[in-house]
């Protein structure tokens, strides 16, 4: 009887730990860190390693690789303003830009090139 209770407790603890790991994201973002920033940039397609979308900052040319860029914004040439956090403890094969997690995202309308 005692062995059955111990076995049941071990199973419950194992399941709890397993479910806890599923709830964690694949990368770490610190929601209270000073690594939050805002930028305006252009979405570009990078045809490396199967292809991916990145953002090149307008003011500095810095390159960022968002891990959560919505599909609707995966269009080469559109300009966006984003508030993001730097992502730590992640590595990938892209080797292009700094990994970020987008907090807010806004489309910037194209500038008019017509003169009247």
Protein backbone atom coordinates (compact mmCIF):
# COMPACT_ATOMS: atom_id res chain seq x y z
CA UNK A 1 0.00 0.00 0.00
CA UNK A 2 2.84 2.41 0.90
CA UNK A 3 4.68 1.66 -2.35
CA UNK A 4 1.52 2.51 -4.32
CA UNK A 5 1.28 5.93 -2.59
CA UNK A 6 4.95 6.70 -3.22
CA UNK A 7 4.60 5.67 -6.86
CA UNK A 8 1.51 7.91 -7.24
CA UNK A 9 3.34 10.88 -5.69
CA UNK A 10 6.31 10.37 -8.05
CA UNK A 11 3.99 10.31 -11.06
CA UNK A 12 2.18 13.48 -9.94
CA UNK A 13 5.47 15.33 -9.41
CA UNK A 14 6.81 14.17 -12.77
CA UNK A 15 3.68 15.30 -14.59
CA UNK A 16 3.75 18.68 -12.84
CA UNK A 17 7.36 19.28 -13.85
CA UNK A 18 6.64 18.19 -17.42
CA UNK A 19 3.66 20.50 -17.80
CA UNK A 20 5.65 23.38 -16.32
CA UNK A 21 8.30 23.00 -19.02
CA UNK A 22 5.67 23.07 -21.76
CA UNK A 23 4.38 26.42 -20.51
CA UNK A 24 7.80 28.11 -20.84
CA UNK A 25 8.68 29.90 -24.10
CA UNK A 26 11.50 28.56 -26.27
CA UNK A 27 13.54 31.67 -25.52
CA UNK A 28 13.97 33.93 -22.54
CA UNK A 29 12.69 37.48 -22.38
CA UNK A 30 12.98 39.52 -19.22
CA UNK A 31 9.84 41.63 -19.01
CA UNK A 32 11.41 43.89 -16.40
CA UNK A 33 14.79 44.43 -18.05
CA UNK A 34 16.09 47.71 -19.48
CA UNK A 35 16.56 45.98 -22.83
CA UNK A 36 13.29 47.38 -24.19
CA UNK A 37 13.55 49.82 -27.09
CA UNK A 38 11.58 51.41 -29.92
CA UNK A 39 12.69 51.65 -33.53
CA UNK A 40 11.46 52.49 -37.00
CA UNK A 41 12.66 50.19 -39.72
CA UNK A 42 12.02 48.40 -42.97
CA UNK A 43 11.01 44.76 -43.21
CA UNK A 44 13.32 42.85 -45.52
CA UNK A 45 13.52 39.26 -46.72
CA UNK A 46 16.84 37.52 -46.24
CA UNK A 47 17.24 34.54 -48.58
CA UNK A 48 19.66 32.61 -46.32
CA UNK A 49 19.10 29.21 -44.70
CA UNK A 50 15.63 28.76 -46.18
CA UNK A 51 14.77 32.48 -45.93
CA UNK A 52 13.43 34.66 -43.14
CA UNK A 53 12.25 38.21 -42.49
CA UNK A 54 14.24 40.78 -40.57
CA UNK A 55 13.98 44.46 -39.77
CA UNK A 56 16.64 46.99 -40.70
CA UNK A 57 16.51 50.12 -38.54
CA UNK A 58 16.08 53.31 -40.56
CA UNK A 59 18.30 55.57 -38.42
CA UNK A 60 21.28 53.28 -37.79
CA UNK A 61 21.06 50.37 -40.21
CA UNK A 62 21.10 47.93 -37.27
CA UNK A 63 19.62 44.56 -38.12
CA UNK A 64 17.04 42.80 -35.95
CA UNK A 65 15.59 39.33 -36.23
CA UNK A 66 12.10 39.27 -34.68
CA UNK A 67 11.00 35.90 -33.36
CA UNK A 68 7.32 36.82 -33.50
CA UNK A 69 6.80 38.93 -36.65
CA UNK A 70 3.14 38.37 -37.63
CA UNK A 71 2.59 36.90 -41.08
CA UNK A 72 0.62 40.00 -42.15
CA UNK A 73 3.80 42.07 -41.69
CA UNK A 74 6.08 39.67 -43.57
CA UNK A 75 6.23 41.90 -46.65
CA UNK A 76 9.48 43.20 -48.07
CA UNK A 77 9.74 46.99 -48.09
CA UNK A 78 7.04 47.96 -45.60
CA UNK A 79 8.08 50.28 -42.80
CA UNK A 80 7.12 49.57 -39.22
CA UNK A 81 7.52 51.08 -35.81
CA UNK A 82 8.09 48.50 -33.14
CA UNK A 83 8.63 48.36 -29.44
CA UNK A 84 10.73 45.32 -28.66
CA UNK A 85 12.84 43.56 -26.09
CA UNK A 86 16.22 41.99 -26.69
CA UNK A 87 16.11 38.21 -26.47
CA UNK A 88 18.83 36.45 -24.53
CA UNK A 89 19.88 32.84 -24.21
CA UNK A 90 19.05 31.88 -27.78
CA UNK A 91 21.12 30.96 -30.77
CA UNK A 92 20.14 30.14 -34.29
CA UNK A 93 21.55 29.36 -37.68
CA UNK A 94 20.52 32.68 -39.24
CA UNK A 95 23.62 34.59 -38.07
CA UNK A 96 21.94 37.82 -39.13
CA UNK A 97 20.86 40.55 -36.76
CA UNK A 98 20.01 40.61 -33.07
CA UNK A 99 17.12 38.49 -31.84
CA UNK A 100 14.15 40.47 -30.51
CA UNK A 101 10.64 39.83 -29.26
CA UNK A 102 8.13 42.38 -30.57
CA UNK A 103 5.93 43.96 -27.88
CA UNK A 104 3.98 46.36 -30.15
CA UNK A 105 3.99 46.76 -33.91
CA UNK A 106 2.58 49.52 -36.09
CA UNK A 107 2.64 49.93 -39.87
CA UNK A 108 4.02 53.25 -41.10
CA UNK A 109 2.15 54.41 -44.22
CA UNK A 110 4.32 54.89 -47.33
CA UNK A 111 5.50 58.43 -47.95
CA UNK A 112 3.92 60.12 -50.93
CA UNK A 113 6.31 60.71 -53.82
CA UNK A 114 3.87 62.77 -55.85
CA UNK A 115 4.13 66.57 -56.04
CA UNK A 116 1.25 68.78 -56.99
